[in-house]
Amino acid sequence: FRGGGEATAAVLGGNVTVGGSGYSEFAEYIKAGKMRPLAVTSG
């Protein structure tokens, strides 16, 4: 996708199986229960 906004919309709409982005871009949706986090890429 061309930006985090489009990727977020795709996840919220169920148009992708799994979405990836910086935590800050998904944080509010994770907290609201609209996305379910699987893993972070940190050590």
PDB file of all heavy atoms in Angstrom:
ATOM      1  N   PHE A   1       0.842  -1.190   0.000  1.00  0.00           N
ATOM      2  CA  PHE A   1       0.000   0.000   0.000  1.00  0.00           C
ATOM      3  C   PHE A   1       0.882   1.246   0.000  1.00  0.00           C
ATOM      4  O   PHE A   1       2.042   1.198   0.399  1.00  0.00           O
ATOM      5  CB  PHE A   1      -0.930  -0.003   1.220  1.00  0.00           C
ATOM      6  CG  PHE A   1      -1.939  -1.115   1.203  1.00  0.00           C
ATOM      7  CD1 PHE A   1      -1.697  -2.301   1.905  1.00  0.00           C
ATOM      8  CD2 PHE A   1      -3.101  -1.009   0.469  1.00  0.00           C
ATOM      9  CE1 PHE A   1      -2.603  -3.346   1.879  1.00  0.00           C
ATOM     10  CE2 PHE A   1      -4.026  -2.048   0.433  1.00  0.00           C
ATOM     11  CZ  PHE A   1      -3.780  -3.212   1.136  1.00  0.00           C
ATOM     12  N   ARG A   2       0.309   2.356  -0.429  1.00  0.00           N
ATOM     13  CA  ARG A   2       1.100   3.576  -0.590  1.00  0.00           C
ATOM     14  C   ARG A   2       1.351   4.324   0.712  1.00  0.00           C
ATOM     15  O   ARG A   2       2.110   5.270   0.754  1.00  0.00           O
ATOM     16  CB  ARG A   2       0.415   4.511  -1.594  1.00  0.00           C
ATOM     17  CG  ARG A   2       0.441   3.990  -3.016  1.00  0.00           C
ATOM     18  CD  ARG A   2      -0.242   4.945  -3.968  1.00  0.00           C
ATOM     19  NE  ARG A   2      -1.665   5.082  -3.666  1.00  0.00           N
ATOM     20  CZ  ARG A   2      -2.485   5.901  -4.306  1.00  0.00           C
ATOM     21  NH1 ARG A   2      -2.017   6.672  -5.270  1.00  0.00           N
ATOM     22  NH2 ARG A   2      -3.768   5.954  -3.995  1.00  0.00           N
ATOM     23  N   GLY A   3       0.718   3.897   1.762  1.00  0.00           N
ATOM     24  CA  GLY A   3       0.934   4.556   3.046  1.00  0.00           C
ATOM     25  C   GLY A   3       0.258   3.800   4.168  1.00  0.00           C
ATOM     26  O   GLY A   3      -0.552   2.883   3.937  1.00  0.00           O
ATOM     27  N   GLY A   4       0.584   4.195   5.406  1.00  0.00           N
ATOM     28  CA  GLY A   4       0.022   3.519   6.563  1.00  0.00           C
ATOM     29  C   GLY A   4      -1.486   3.628   6.647  1.00  0.00           C
ATOM     30  O   GLY A   4      -2.153   2.717   7.147  1.00  0.00           O
ATOM     31  N   GLY A   5      -2.043   4.734   6.161  1.00  0.00           N
ATOM     32  CA  GLY A   5      -3.490   4.919   6.191  1.00  0.00           C
ATOM     33  C   GLY A   5      -4.209   3.869   5.365  1.00  0.00           C
ATOM     34  O   GLY A   5      -5.226   3.296   5.795  1.00  0.00           O
ATOM     35  N   GLU A   6      -3.695   3.575   4.168  1.00  0.00           N
ATOM     36  CA  GLU A   6      -4.300   2.572   3.301  1.00  0.00           C
ATOM     37  C   GLU A   6      -4.144   1.174   3.898  1.00  0.00           C
ATOM     38  O   GLU A   6      -5.070   0.354   3.836  1.00  0.00           O
ATOM     39  CB  GLU A   6      -3.662   2.615   1.911  1.00  0.00           C
ATOM     40  CG  GLU A   6      -4.033   3.847   1.096  1.00  0.00           C
ATOM     41  CD  GLU A   6      -3.492   3.786  -0.326  1.00  0.00           C
ATOM     42  OE1 GLU A   6      -2.952   2.735  -0.711  1.00  0.00           O
ATOM     43  OE2 GLU A   6      -3.613   4.790  -1.043  1.00  0.00           O
ATOM     44  N   ALA A   7      -2.970   0.897   4.450  1.00  0.00           N
ATOM     45  CA  ALA A   7      -2.731  -0.413   5.066  1.00  0.00           C
ATOM     46  C   ALA A   7      -3.671  -0.622   6.254  1.00  0.00           C
ATOM     47  O   ALA A   7      -4.228  -1.713   6.442  1.00  0.00           O
ATOM     48  CB  ALA A   7      -1.277  -0.532   5.509  1.00  0.00           C
ATOM     49  N   THR A   8      -3.870   0.416   7.046  1.00  0.00           N
ATOM     50  CA  THR A   8      -4.775   0.337   8.193  1.00  0.00           C
ATOM     51  C   THR A   8      -6.195   0.035   7.743  1.00  0.00           C
ATOM     52  O   THR A   8      -6.879  -0.831   8.312  1.00  0.00           O
ATOM     53  CB  THR A   8      -4.744   1.660   8.986  1.00  0.00           C
ATOM     54  OG1 THR A   8      -3.429   1.875   9.504  1.00  0.00           O
ATOM     55  CG2 THR A   8      -5.737   1.634  10.139  1.00  0.00           C
ATOM     56  N   ALA A   9      -6.647   0.732   6.695  1.00  0.00           N
ATOM     57  CA  ALA A   9      -7.998   0.512   6.170  1.00  0.00           C
ATOM     58  C   ALA A   9      -8.167  -0.916   5.667  1.00  0.00           C
ATOM     59  O   ALA A   9      -9.230  -1.531   5.845  1.00  0.00           O
ATOM     60  CB  ALA A   9      -8.292   1.508   5.050  1.00  0.00           C
ATOM     61  N   ALA A  10      -7.115  -1.467   5.059  1.00  0.00           N
ATOM     62  CA  ALA A  10      -7.177  -2.831   4.532  1.00  0.00           C
ATOM     63  C   ALA A  10      -7.327  -3.847   5.662  1.00  0.00           C
ATOM     64  O   ALA A  10      -8.079  -4.821   5.537  1.00  0.00           O
ATOM     65  CB  ALA A  10      -5.934  -3.136   3.709  1.00  0.00           C
ATOM     66  N   VAL A  11      -6.625  -3.618   6.758  1.00  0.00           N
ATOM     67  CA  VAL A  11      -6.737  -4.527   7.905  1.00  0.00           C
ATOM     68  C   VAL A  11      -8.126  -4.412   8.524  1.00  0.00           C
ATOM     69  O   VAL A  11      -8.795  -5.421   8.797  1.00  0.00           O
ATOM     70  CB  VAL A  11      -5.650  -4.227   8.963  1.00  0.00           C
ATOM     71  CG1 VAL A  11      -5.844  -5.122  10.188  1.00  0.00           C
ATOM     72  CG2 VAL A  11      -4.257  -4.434   8.387  1.00  0.00           C
ATOM     73  N   LEU A  12      -8.568  -3.183   8.756  1.00  0.00           N
ATOM     74  CA  LEU A  12      -9.874  -2.969   9.375  1.00  0.00           C
ATOM     75  C   LEU A  12     -10.998  -3.551   8.523  1.00  0.00           C
ATOM     76  O   LEU A  12     -12.003  -4.044   9.047  1.00  0.00           O
ATOM     77  CB  LEU A  12     -10.114  -1.469   9.596  1.00  0.00           C
ATOM     78  CG  LEU A  12      -9.225  -0.783  10.649  1.00  0.00           C
ATOM     79  CD1 LEU A  12      -9.460   0.719  10.641  1.00  0.00           C
ATOM     80  CD2 LEU A  12      -9.494  -1.359  12.039  1.00  0.00           C
ATOM     81  N   GLY A  13     -10.820  -3.497   7.199  1.00  0.00           N
ATOM     82  CA  GLY A  13     -11.838  -4.020   6.295  1.00  0.00           C
ATOM     83  C   GLY A  13     -11.728  -5.513   6.051  1.00  0.00           C
ATOM     84  O   GLY A  13     -12.545  -6.083   5.314  1.00  0.00           O
ATOM     85  N   GLY A  14     -10.734  -6.165   6.647  1.00  0.00           N
ATOM     86  CA  GLY A  14     -10.556  -7.593   6.444  1.00  0.00           C
ATOM     87  C   GLY A  14     -10.110  -7.949   5.047  1.00  0.00           C
ATOM     88  O   GLY A  14     -10.311  -9.079   4.582  1.00  0.00           O
ATOM     89  N   ASN A  15      -9.474  -7.007   4.367  1.00  0.00           N
ATOM     90  CA  ASN A  15      -9.038  -7.232   2.989  1.00  0.00           C
ATOM     91  C   ASN A  15      -7.667  -7.888   2.899  1.00  0.00           C
ATOM     92  O   ASN A  15      -7.209  -8.212   1.803  1.00  0.00           O
ATOM     93  CB  ASN A  15      -9.030  -5.903   2.224  1.00  0.00           C
ATOM     94  CG  ASN A  15     -10.414  -5.286   2.145  1.00  0.00           C
ATOM     95  OD1 ASN A  15     -11.394  -5.992   1.912  1.00  0.00           O
ATOM     96  ND2 ASN A  15     -10.507  -3.984   2.365  1.00  0.00           N
ATOM     97  N   VAL A  16      -6.989  -8.028   4.026  1.00  0.00           N
ATOM     98  CA  VAL A  16      -5.723  -8.758   4.085  1.00  0.00           C
ATOM     99  C   VAL A  16      -5.802  -9.742   5.248  1.00  0.00           C
ATOM    100  O   VAL A  16      -6.597  -9.564   6.183  1.00  0.00           O
ATOM    101  CB  VAL A  16      -4.508  -7.816   4.272  1.00  0.00           C
ATOM    102  CG1 VAL A  16      -4.335  -6.907   3.055  1.00  0.00           C
ATOM    103  CG2 VAL A  16      -4.642  -6.985   5.539  1.00  0.00           C
ATOM    104  N   THR A  17      -5.005 -10.784   5.190  1.00  0.00           N
ATOM    105  CA  THR A  17      -4.997 -11.780   6.257  1.00  0.00           C
ATOM    106  C   THR A  17      -4.296 -11.249   7.494  1.00  0.00           C
ATOM    107  O   THR A  17      -4.745 -11.442   8.628  1.00  0.00           O
ATOM    108  CB  THR A  17      -4.268 -13.064   5.792  1.00  0.00           C
ATOM    109  OG1 THR A  17      -4.769 -13.463   4.525  1.00  0.00           O
ATOM    110  CG2 THR A  17      -4.443 -14.180   6.802  1.00  0.00           C
ATOM    111  N   VAL A  18      -3.179 -10.572   7.274  1.00  0.00           N
ATOM    112  CA  VAL A  18      -2.365 -10.037   8.358  1.00  0.00           C
ATOM    113  C   VAL A  18      -1.757  -8.719   7.896  1.00  0.00           C
ATOM    114  O   VAL A  18      -1.401  -8.565   6.726  1.00  0.00           O
ATOM    115  CB  VAL A  18      -1.261 -11.047   8.774  1.00  0.00           C
ATOM    116  CG1 VAL A  18      -0.396 -11.433   7.591  1.00  0.00           C
ATOM    117  CG2 VAL A  18      -0.401 -10.508   9.913  1.00  0.00           C
ATOM    118  N   GLY A  19      -1.678  -7.751   8.793  1.00  0.00           N
ATOM    119  CA  GLY A  19      -1.111  -6.451   8.451  1.00  0.00           C
ATOM    120  C   GLY A  19       0.111  -6.145   9.284  1.00  0.00           C
ATOM    121  O   GLY A  19       0.223  -6.583  10.442  1.00  0.00           O
ATOM    122  N   GLY A  20       1.039  -5.410   8.711  1.00  0.00           N
ATOM    123  CA  GLY A  20       2.239  -5.022   9.426  1.00  0.00           C
ATOM    124  C   GLY A  20       2.483  -3.534   9.305  1.00  0.00           C
ATOM    125  O   GLY A  20       2.246  -2.944   8.244  1.00  0.00           O
ATOM    126  N   SER A  21       2.933  -2.915  10.385  1.00  0.00           N
ATOM    127  CA  SER A  21       3.261  -1.481  10.363  1.00  0.00           C
ATOM    128  C   SER A  21       3.944  -1.128  11.674  1.00  0.00           C
ATOM    129  O   SER A  21       4.107  -1.975  12.557  1.00  0.00           O
ATOM    130  CB  SER A  21       1.994  -0.645  10.182  1.00  0.00           C
ATOM    131  OG  SER A  21       2.327   0.701   9.907  1.00  0.00           O
ATOM    132  N   GLY A  22       4.340   0.143  11.800  1.00  0.00           N
ATOM    133  CA  GLY A  22       4.860   0.620  13.064  1.00  0.00           C
ATOM    134  C   GLY A  22       3.769   0.552  14.122  1.00  0.00           C
ATOM    135  O   GLY A  22       2.592   0.793  13.824  1.00  0.00           O
ATOM    136  N   TYR A  23       4.140   0.238  15.365  1.00  0.00           N
ATOM    137  CA  TYR A  23       3.127   0.073  16.410  1.00  0.00           C
ATOM    138  C   TYR A  23       2.259   1.319  16.556  1.00  0.00           C
ATOM    139  O   TYR A  23       1.037   1.209  16.770  1.00  0.00           O
ATOM    140  CB  TYR A  23       3.784  -0.267  17.746  1.00  0.00           C
ATOM    141  CG  TYR A  23       2.766  -0.569  18.829  1.00  0.00           C
ATOM    142  CD1 TYR A  23       2.213  -1.843  18.940  1.00  0.00           C
ATOM    143  CD2 TYR A  23       2.327   0.425  19.703  1.00  0.00           C
ATOM    144  CE1 TYR A  23       1.240  -2.109  19.903  1.00  0.00           C
ATOM    145  CE2 TYR A  23       1.365   0.162  20.664  1.00  0.00           C
ATOM    146  CZ  TYR A  23       0.826  -1.110  20.763  1.00  0.00           C
ATOM    147  OH  TYR A  23      -0.147  -1.365  21.713  1.00  0.00           O
ATOM    148  N   SER A  24       2.853   2.491  16.432  1.00  0.00           N
ATOM    149  CA  SER A  24       2.096   3.737  16.631  1.00  0.00           C
ATOM    150  C   SER A  24       0.939   3.871  15.650  1.00  0.00           C
ATOM    151  O   SER A  24      -0.077   4.488  15.961  1.00  0.00           O
ATOM    152  CB  SER A  24       3.021   4.946  16.505  1.00  0.00           C
ATOM    153  OG  SER A  24       3.580   5.030  15.206  1.00  0.00           O
ATOM    154  N   GLU A  25       1.071   3.278  14.455  1.00  0.00           N
ATOM    155  CA  GLU A  25       0.029   3.400  13.438  1.00  0.00           C
ATOM    156  C   GLU A  25      -1.173   2.505  13.727  1.00  0.00           C
ATOM    157  O   GLU A  25      -2.290   2.786  13.298  1.00  0.00           O
ATOM    158  CB  GLU A  25       0.610   3.092  12.063  1.00  0.00           C
ATOM    159  CG  GLU A  25       1.670   4.104  11.624  1.00  0.00           C
ATOM    160  CD  GLU A  25       2.287   3.753  10.283  1.00  0.00           C
ATOM    161  OE1 GLU A  25       1.528   3.486   9.330  1.00  0.00           O
ATOM    162  OE2 GLU A  25       3.527   3.740  10.182  1.00  0.00           O
ATOM    163  N   PHE A  26      -0.957   1.430  14.457  1.00  0.00           N
ATOM    164  CA  PHE A  26      -2.038   0.485  14.769  1.00  0.00           C
ATOM    165  C   PHE A  26      -2.516   0.575  16.214  1.00  0.00           C
ATOM    166  O   PHE A  26      -3.513  -0.056  16.581  1.00  0.00           O
ATOM    167  CB  PHE A  26      -1.567  -0.954  14.507  1.00  0.00           C
ATOM    168  CG  PHE A  26      -1.440  -1.321  13.048  1.00  0.00           C
ATOM    169  CD1 PHE A  26      -0.692  -2.439  12.675  1.00  0.00           C
ATOM    170  CD2 PHE A  26      -2.048  -0.580  12.054  1.00  0.00           C
ATOM    171  CE1 PHE A  26      -0.580  -2.808  11.338  1.00  0.00           C
ATOM    172  CE2 PHE A  26      -1.927  -0.927  10.707  1.00  0.00           C
ATOM    173  CZ  PHE A  26      -1.196  -2.046  10.348  1.00  0.00           C
ATOM    174  N   ALA A  27      -1.801   1.317  17.053  1.00  0.00           N
ATOM    175  CA  ALA A  27      -2.030   1.300  18.501  1.00  0.00           C
ATOM    176  C   ALA A  27      -3.478   1.563  18.895  1.00  0.00           C
ATOM    177  O   ALA A  27      -4.061   0.822  19.706  1.00  0.00           O
ATOM    178  CB  ALA A  27      -1.117   2.316  19.191  1.00  0.00           C
ATOM    179  N   GLU A  28      -4.093   2.603  18.329  1.00  0.00           N
ATOM    180  CA  GLU A  28      -5.455   2.942  18.757  1.00  0.00           C
ATOM    181  C   GLU A  28      -6.457   1.855  18.397  1.00  0.00           C
ATOM    182  O   GLU A  28      -7.439   1.614  19.111  1.00  0.00           O
ATOM    183  CB  GLU A  28      -5.890   4.280  18.163  1.00  0.00           C
ATOM    184  CG  GLU A  28      -6.021   4.314  16.656  1.00  0.00           C
ATOM    185  CD  GLU A  28      -6.512   5.658  16.148  1.00  0.00           C
ATOM    186  OE1 GLU A  28      -7.708   5.964  16.362  1.00  0.00           O
ATOM    187  OE2 GLU A  28      -5.710   6.401  15.539  1.00  0.00           O
ATOM    188  N   TYR A  29      -6.203   1.149  17.285  1.00  0.00           N
ATOM    189  CA  TYR A  29      -7.117   0.093  16.850  1.00  0.00           C
ATOM    190  C   TYR A  29      -6.909  -1.177  17.664  1.00  0.00           C
ATOM    191  O   TYR A  29      -7.851  -1.928  17.911  1.00  0.00           O
ATOM    192  CB  TYR A  29      -6.921  -0.179  15.357  1.00  0.00           C
ATOM    193  CG  TYR A  29      -7.098   1.067  14.518  1.00  0.00           C
ATOM    194  CD1 TYR A  29      -5.986   1.750  14.009  1.00  0.00           C
ATOM    195  CD2 TYR A  29      -8.363   1.588  14.285  1.00  0.00           C
ATOM    196  CE1 TYR A  29      -6.144   2.902  13.263  1.00  0.00           C
ATOM    197  CE2 TYR A  29      -8.531   2.747  13.542  1.00  0.00           C
ATOM    198  CZ  TYR A  29      -7.409   3.403  13.037  1.00  0.00           C
ATOM    199  OH  TYR A  29      -7.579   4.558  12.311  1.00  0.00           O
ATOM    200  N   ILE A  30      -5.674  -1.408  18.086  1.00  0.00           N
ATOM    201  CA  ILE A  30      -5.394  -2.541  18.972  1.00  0.00           C
ATOM    202  C   ILE A  30      -6.085  -2.324  20.315  1.00  0.00           C
ATOM    203  O   ILE A  30      -6.757  -3.213  20.847  1.00  0.00           O
ATOM    204  CB  ILE A  30      -3.870  -2.719  19.161  1.00  0.00           C
ATOM    205  CG1 ILE A  30      -3.212  -3.175  17.851  1.00  0.00           C
ATOM    206  CG2 ILE A  30      -3.582  -3.714  20.275  1.00  0.00           C
ATOM    207  CD1 ILE A  30      -1.694  -3.194  17.883  1.00  0.00           C
ATOM    208  N   LYS A  31      -5.957  -1.109  20.853  1.00  0.00           N
ATOM    209  CA  LYS A  31      -6.561  -0.787  22.145  1.00  0.00           C
ATOM    210  C   LYS A  31      -8.080  -0.866  22.087  1.00  0.00           C
ATOM    211  O   LYS A  31      -8.740  -1.223  23.074  1.00  0.00           O
ATOM    212  CB  LYS A  31      -6.111   0.603  22.601  1.00  0.00           C
ATOM    213  CG  LYS A  31      -4.636   0.673  22.966  1.00  0.00           C
ATOM    214  CD  LYS A  31      -4.200   2.104  23.246  1.00  0.00           C
ATOM    215  CE  LYS A  31      -2.706   2.176  23.528  1.00  0.00           C
ATOM    216  NZ  LYS A  31      -2.224   3.570  23.704  1.00  0.00           N
ATOM    217  N   ALA A  32      -8.649  -0.530  20.912  1.00  0.00           N
ATOM    218  CA  ALA A  32     -10.104  -0.548  20.750  1.00  0.00           C
ATOM    219  C   ALA A  32     -10.646  -1.934  20.401  1.00  0.00           C
ATOM    220  O   ALA A  32     -11.854  -2.126  20.265  1.00  0.00           O
ATOM    221  CB  ALA A  32     -10.514   0.443  19.655  1.00  0.00           C
ATOM    222  N   GLY A  33      -9.738  -2.912  20.246  1.00  0.00           N
ATOM    223  CA  GLY A  33     -10.171  -4.259  19.930  1.00  0.00           C
ATOM    224  C   GLY A  33     -10.512  -4.486  18.470  1.00  0.00           C
ATOM    225  O   GLY A  33     -11.098  -5.516  18.109  1.00  0.00           O
ATOM    226  N   LYS A  34     -10.128  -3.546  17.598  1.00  0.00           N
ATOM    227  CA  LYS A  34     -10.433  -3.676  16.174  1.00  0.00           C
ATOM    228  C   LYS A  34      -9.343  -4.420  15.412  1.00  0.00           C
ATOM    229  O   LYS A  34      -9.526  -4.797  14.258  1.00  0.00           O
ATOM    230  CB  LYS A  34     -10.645  -2.282  15.563  1.00  0.00           C
ATOM    231  CG  LYS A  34     -11.857  -1.560  16.128  1.00  0.00           C
ATOM    232  CD  LYS A  34     -12.025  -0.186  15.516  1.00  0.00           C
ATOM    233  CE  LYS A  34     -13.252   0.519  16.073  1.00  0.00           C
ATOM    234  NZ  LYS A  34     -13.436   1.884  15.493  1.00  0.00           N
ATOM    235  N   MET A  35      -8.196  -4.610  16.062  1.00  0.00           N
ATOM    236  CA  MET A  35      -7.106  -5.409  15.522  1.00  0.00           C
ATOM    237  C   MET A  35      -6.558  -6.276  16.653  1.00  0.00           C
ATOM    238  O   MET A  35      -6.570  -5.858  17.823  1.00  0.00           O
ATOM    239  CB  MET A  35      -5.971  -4.526  14.985  1.00  0.00           C
ATOM    240  CG  MET A  35      -6.314  -3.664  13.802  1.00  0.00           C
ATOM    241  SD  MET A  35      -4.864  -2.654  13.314  1.00  0.00           S
ATOM    242  CE  MET A  35      -5.549  -1.704  11.952  1.00  0.00           C
ATOM    243  N   ARG A  36      -6.069  -7.460  16.289  1.00  0.00           N
ATOM    244  CA  ARG A  36      -5.481  -8.353  17.290  1.00  0.00           C
ATOM    245  C   ARG A  36      -3.997  -8.521  17.007  1.00  0.00           C
ATOM    246  O   ARG A  36      -3.615  -9.039  15.957  1.00  0.00           O
ATOM    247  CB  ARG A  36      -6.185  -9.706  17.265  1.00  0.00           C
ATOM    248  CG  ARG A  36      -7.587  -9.643  17.852  1.00  0.00           C
ATOM    249  CD  ARG A  36      -8.182 -11.033  18.049  1.00  0.00           C
ATOM    250  NE  ARG A  36      -8.729 -11.591  16.831  1.00  0.00           N
ATOM    251  CZ  ARG A  36      -8.435 -12.790  16.350  1.00  0.00           C
ATOM    252  NH1 ARG A  36      -7.536 -13.551  16.964  1.00  0.00           N
ATOM    253  NH2 ARG A  36      -9.015 -13.245  15.257  1.00  0.00           N
ATOM    254  N   PRO A  37      -3.135  -8.043  17.915  1.00  0.00           N
ATOM    255  CA  PRO A  37      -1.692  -8.112  17.677  1.00  0.00           C
ATOM    256  C   PRO A  37      -1.157  -9.534  17.804  1.00  0.00           C
ATOM    257  O   PRO A  37      -1.560 -10.289  18.698  1.00  0.00           O
ATOM    258  CB  PRO A  37      -1.112  -7.194  18.750  1.00  0.00           C
ATOM    259  CG  PRO A  37      -2.107  -7.270  19.872  1.00  0.00           C
ATOM    260  CD  PRO A  37      -3.452  -7.407  19.209  1.00  0.00           C
ATOM    261  N   LEU A  38      -0.232  -9.895  16.917  1.00  0.00           N
ATOM    262  CA  LEU A  38       0.392 -11.214  16.930  1.00  0.00           C
ATOM    263  C   LEU A  38       1.806 -11.182  17.477  1.00  0.00           C
ATOM    264  O   LEU A  38       2.200 -12.023  18.280  1.00  0.00           O
ATOM    265  CB  LEU A  38       0.443 -11.787  15.510  1.00  0.00           C
ATOM    266  CG  LEU A  38      -0.856 -12.250  14.865  1.00  0.00           C
ATOM    267  CD1 LEU A  38      -0.574 -12.693  13.439  1.00  0.00           C
ATOM    268  CD2 LEU A  38      -1.473 -13.380  15.661  1.00  0.00           C
ATOM    269  N   ALA A  39       2.591 -10.207  16.999  1.00  0.00           N
ATOM    270  CA  ALA A  39       4.015 -10.187  17.362  1.00  0.00           C
ATOM    271  C   ALA A  39       4.638  -8.855  17.003  1.00  0.00           C
ATOM    272  O   ALA A  39       4.176  -8.165  16.079  1.00  0.00           O
ATOM    273  CB  ALA A  39       4.759 -11.306  16.644  1.00  0.00           C
ATOM    274  N   VAL A  40       5.698  -8.501  17.722  1.00  0.00           N
ATOM    275  CA  VAL A  40       6.512  -7.339  17.373  1.00  0.00           C
ATOM    276  C   VAL A  40       7.859  -7.832  16.871  1.00  0.00           C
ATOM    277  O   VAL A  40       8.290  -8.946  17.192  1.00  0.00           O
ATOM    278  CB  VAL A  40       6.703  -6.370  18.562  1.00  0.00           C
ATOM    279  CG1 VAL A  40       5.407  -5.685  18.911  1.00  0.00           C
ATOM    280  CG2 VAL A  40       7.265  -7.107  19.773  1.00  0.00           C
ATOM    281  N   THR A  41       8.529  -7.000  16.075  1.00  0.00           N
ATOM    282  CA  THR A  41       9.793  -7.415  15.446  1.00  0.00           C
ATOM    283  C   THR A  41      11.025  -7.013  16.245  1.00  0.00           C
ATOM    284  O   THR A  41      12.135  -7.041  15.730  1.00  0.00           O
ATOM    285  CB  THR A  41       9.889  -6.823  14.025  1.00  0.00           C
ATOM    286  OG1 THR A  41       9.892  -5.383  14.121  1.00  0.00           O
ATOM    287  CG2 THR A  41       8.737  -7.278  13.151  1.00  0.00           C
ATOM    288  N   SER A  42      10.815  -6.642  17.500  1.00  0.00           N
ATOM    289  CA  SER A  42      11.939  -6.235  18.359  1.00  0.00           C
ATOM    290  C   SER A  42      12.648  -7.452  18.935  1.00  0.00           C
ATOM    291  O   SER A  42      12.125  -8.570  18.910  1.00  0.00           O
ATOM    292  CB  SER A  42      11.427  -5.344  19.490  1.00  0.00           C
ATOM    293  OG  SER A  42      10.377  -5.980  20.188  1.00  0.00           O
ATOM    294  N   GLY A  43      13.841  -7.229  19.479  1.00  0.00           N
ATOM    295  CA  GLY A  43      14.600  -8.311  20.087  1.00  0.00           C
ATOM    296  C   GLY A  43      14.053  -8.730  21.434  1.00  0.00           C
ATOM    297  O   GLY A  43      14.179  -9.877  21.846  1.00  0.00           O
TER     298      GLY A  43
END
